[in-house]
Amino acid sequence: MADSTLWWLLAGAAVAVELLTGTFYLLMLAIGLAAGALAAHAGTGQAIQLVVAALVGGGAVAAWHLKRGRRPAGALANADPVGNLDVGEEVHVEHWGPDHTATVRYRGTNWTVVPLGGTSQGPGTYRVREVAGSRLVVEKT
């Protein structure tokens, strides 16, 4: 079996395991294995193939790790207006209970709303900032 065939089989196995486990880092290692296969196609020796695979795969893992580390914390998924269409919508609160919660009619059903920061600011129109389970976290508009 040719060296390049072995590299391609290893790269395919890494992609298959990644699909089963869901870890993106295995894809980065598969890129390194593919680079080793390309080095084998170029006719380099096994030592050079290993070095190329290690450098490219390790470099890809390191680059991905640094990219993820520099990413701003950002909003949580339940407070992200792109992923949650309720964020940014308005609800009208008639009155707040003594426990600083209220019940509002929203999207055809009753929802419990809690104020952002924990203290209600009286009746009125509120904007949904986050969906926490079955509660809407709101702020005064």
Protein backbone atom coordinates (compact mmCIF):
# COMPACT_ATOMS: atom_id res chain seq x y z
CA MET A 1 0.00 0.00 0.00
CA ALA A 2 1.33 3.43 -0.90
CA ASP A 3 2.13 5.93 1.84
CA SER A 4 -0.40 8.40 0.44
CA THR A 5 -3.18 5.80 0.66
CA LEU A 6 -2.43 5.25 4.33
CA TRP A 7 -2.52 9.00 4.99
CA TRP A 8 -5.86 9.36 3.17
CA LEU A 9 -7.33 6.44 5.15
CA LEU A 10 -6.19 8.02 8.42
CA ALA A 11 -7.67 11.39 7.38
CA GLY A 12 -10.97 9.70 6.49
CA ALA A 13 -10.99 7.85 9.83
CA ALA A 14 -10.39 11.12 11.69
CA VAL A 15 -13.33 12.74 9.88
CA ALA A 16 -15.54 9.73 10.65
CA VAL A 17 -14.66 9.82 14.35
CA GLU A 18 -15.30 13.57 14.37
CA LEU A 19 -18.78 12.98 12.96
CA LEU A 20 -19.46 10.52 15.78
CA THR A 21 -18.05 12.67 18.58
CA GLY A 22 -18.72 16.21 17.36
CA THR A 23 -15.32 17.62 18.31
CA PHE A 24 -14.08 20.12 15.76
CA TYR A 25 -10.44 19.57 16.69
CA LEU A 26 -10.41 16.20 14.92
CA LEU A 27 -11.15 18.02 11.67
CA MET A 28 -8.06 20.11 12.25
CA LEU A 29 -6.03 16.95 12.73
CA ALA A 30 -7.58 15.50 9.57
CA ILE A 31 -6.25 18.53 7.70
CA GLY A 32 -2.79 17.63 8.98
CA LEU A 33 -3.25 14.03 7.86
CA ALA A 34 -4.33 15.24 4.41
CA ALA A 35 -1.20 17.40 4.29
CA GLY A 36 0.83 14.28 5.04
CA ALA A 37 -0.93 12.56 2.11
CA LEU A 38 -0.07 15.46 -0.18
CA ALA A 39 3.53 15.29 0.98
CA ALA A 40 3.53 11.57 0.13
CA HIS A 41 2.13 12.36 -3.34
CA ALA A 42 4.99 14.83 -3.76
CA GLY A 43 7.44 11.98 -3.22
CA THR A 44 8.94 13.05 0.12
CA GLY A 45 10.25 10.52 2.63
CA GLN A 46 8.25 9.24 5.58
CA ALA A 47 10.06 11.49 8.05
CA ILE A 48 9.14 14.60 6.05
CA GLN A 49 5.56 13.34 5.71
CA LEU A 50 5.29 12.97 9.49
CA VAL A 51 6.77 16.43 10.08
CA VAL A 52 4.40 18.02 7.54
CA ALA A 53 1.38 16.24 9.05
CA ALA A 54 2.39 17.21 12.58
CA LEU A 55 3.10 20.84 11.74
CA VAL A 56 -0.05 21.38 9.69
CA GLY A 57 -2.34 19.43 12.03
CA GLY A 58 -0.84 20.88 15.20
CA GLY A 59 -0.82 24.37 13.68
CA ALA A 60 -4.47 24.06 12.69
CA VAL A 61 -5.43 22.91 16.19
CA ALA A 62 -3.45 25.76 17.77
CA ALA A 63 -4.92 28.33 15.38
CA TRP A 64 -8.47 27.12 16.06
CA HIS A 65 -7.86 27.17 19.81
CA LEU A 66 -6.52 30.73 19.66
CA LYS A 67 -9.41 31.85 17.45
CA ARG A 68 -11.95 30.45 19.90
CA GLY A 69 -10.10 32.00 22.85
CA ARG A 70 -10.07 35.49 21.32
CA ARG A 71 -13.75 35.42 20.44
CA PRO A 72 -15.72 37.82 22.64
CA ALA A 73 -17.93 36.20 25.21
CA GLY A 74 -21.02 37.41 23.38
CA ALA A 75 -24.59 36.82 24.34
CA LEU A 76 -25.83 33.49 25.51
CA ALA A 77 -27.98 31.56 23.08
CA ASN A 78 -31.12 32.38 25.08
CA ALA A 79 -30.34 36.11 24.81
CA ASP A 80 -29.19 36.10 21.18
CA PRO A 81 -31.71 37.82 18.89
CA VAL A 82 -30.41 35.83 15.91
CA GLY A 83 -31.02 32.46 17.53
CA ASN A 84 -34.08 33.39 19.59
CA LEU A 85 -36.79 35.34 17.82
CA ASP A 86 -38.48 36.31 21.11
CA VAL A 87 -35.56 38.55 22.10
CA GLY A 88 -36.43 42.15 21.26
CA GLU A 89 -40.20 41.63 21.21
CA GLU A 90 -42.43 43.76 23.43
CA VAL A 91 -44.90 42.63 26.08
CA HIS A 92 -47.29 44.66 28.20
CA VAL A 93 -47.27 44.10 31.96
CA GLU A 94 -50.47 45.07 33.76
CA HIS A 95 -49.16 44.59 37.30
CA TRP A 96 -46.25 42.98 39.12
CA GLY A 97 -46.62 40.52 41.94
CA PRO A 98 -44.90 40.84 45.33
CA ASP A 99 -42.27 38.34 44.17
CA HIS A 100 -41.34 40.66 41.26
CA THR A 101 -42.90 38.41 38.61
CA ALA A 102 -45.86 38.98 36.36
CA THR A 103 -47.96 36.95 33.96
CA VAL A 104 -48.46 38.27 30.44
CA ARG A 105 -50.21 36.98 27.36
CA TYR A 106 -47.63 36.49 24.64
CA ARG A 107 -47.81 34.40 21.46
CA GLY A 108 -51.18 32.98 22.42
CA THR A 109 -50.24 31.70 25.85
CA ASN A 110 -49.44 32.93 29.34
CA TRP A 111 -45.80 33.57 30.18
CA THR A 112 -44.14 34.44 33.44
CA VAL A 113 -41.96 37.51 33.13
CA VAL A 114 -39.19 38.62 35.45
CA PRO A 115 -37.52 42.01 35.33
CA LEU A 116 -33.89 42.34 34.29
CA GLY A 117 -31.97 43.14 37.45
CA GLY A 118 -34.65 41.62 39.69
CA THR A 119 -36.65 44.76 40.56
CA SER A 120 -39.86 45.62 38.71
CA GLN A 121 -40.47 49.17 37.50
CA GLY A 122 -44.26 49.29 37.47
CA PRO A 123 -46.77 48.45 34.77
CA GLY A 124 -46.09 49.27 31.17
CA THR A 125 -44.40 48.05 28.02
CA TYR A 126 -41.31 45.89 28.41
CA ARG A 127 -38.85 44.48 25.89
CA VAL A 128 -37.79 40.81 26.08
CA ARG A 129 -34.04 40.60 26.72
CA GLU A 130 -33.70 36.87 27.30
CA VAL A 131 -35.70 33.68 27.50
CA ALA A 132 -34.75 31.72 30.63
CA GLY A 133 -36.54 28.40 30.44
CA SER A 134 -40.23 29.25 30.47
CA ARG A 135 -39.70 32.79 31.73
CA LEU A 136 -39.17 35.98 29.80
CA VAL A 137 -36.54 38.32 31.23
CA VAL A 138 -37.68 41.84 30.38
CA GLU A 139 -36.53 45.44 30.66
CA LYS A 140 -38.59 48.61 30.69
CA THR A 141 -38.78 50.35 27.29
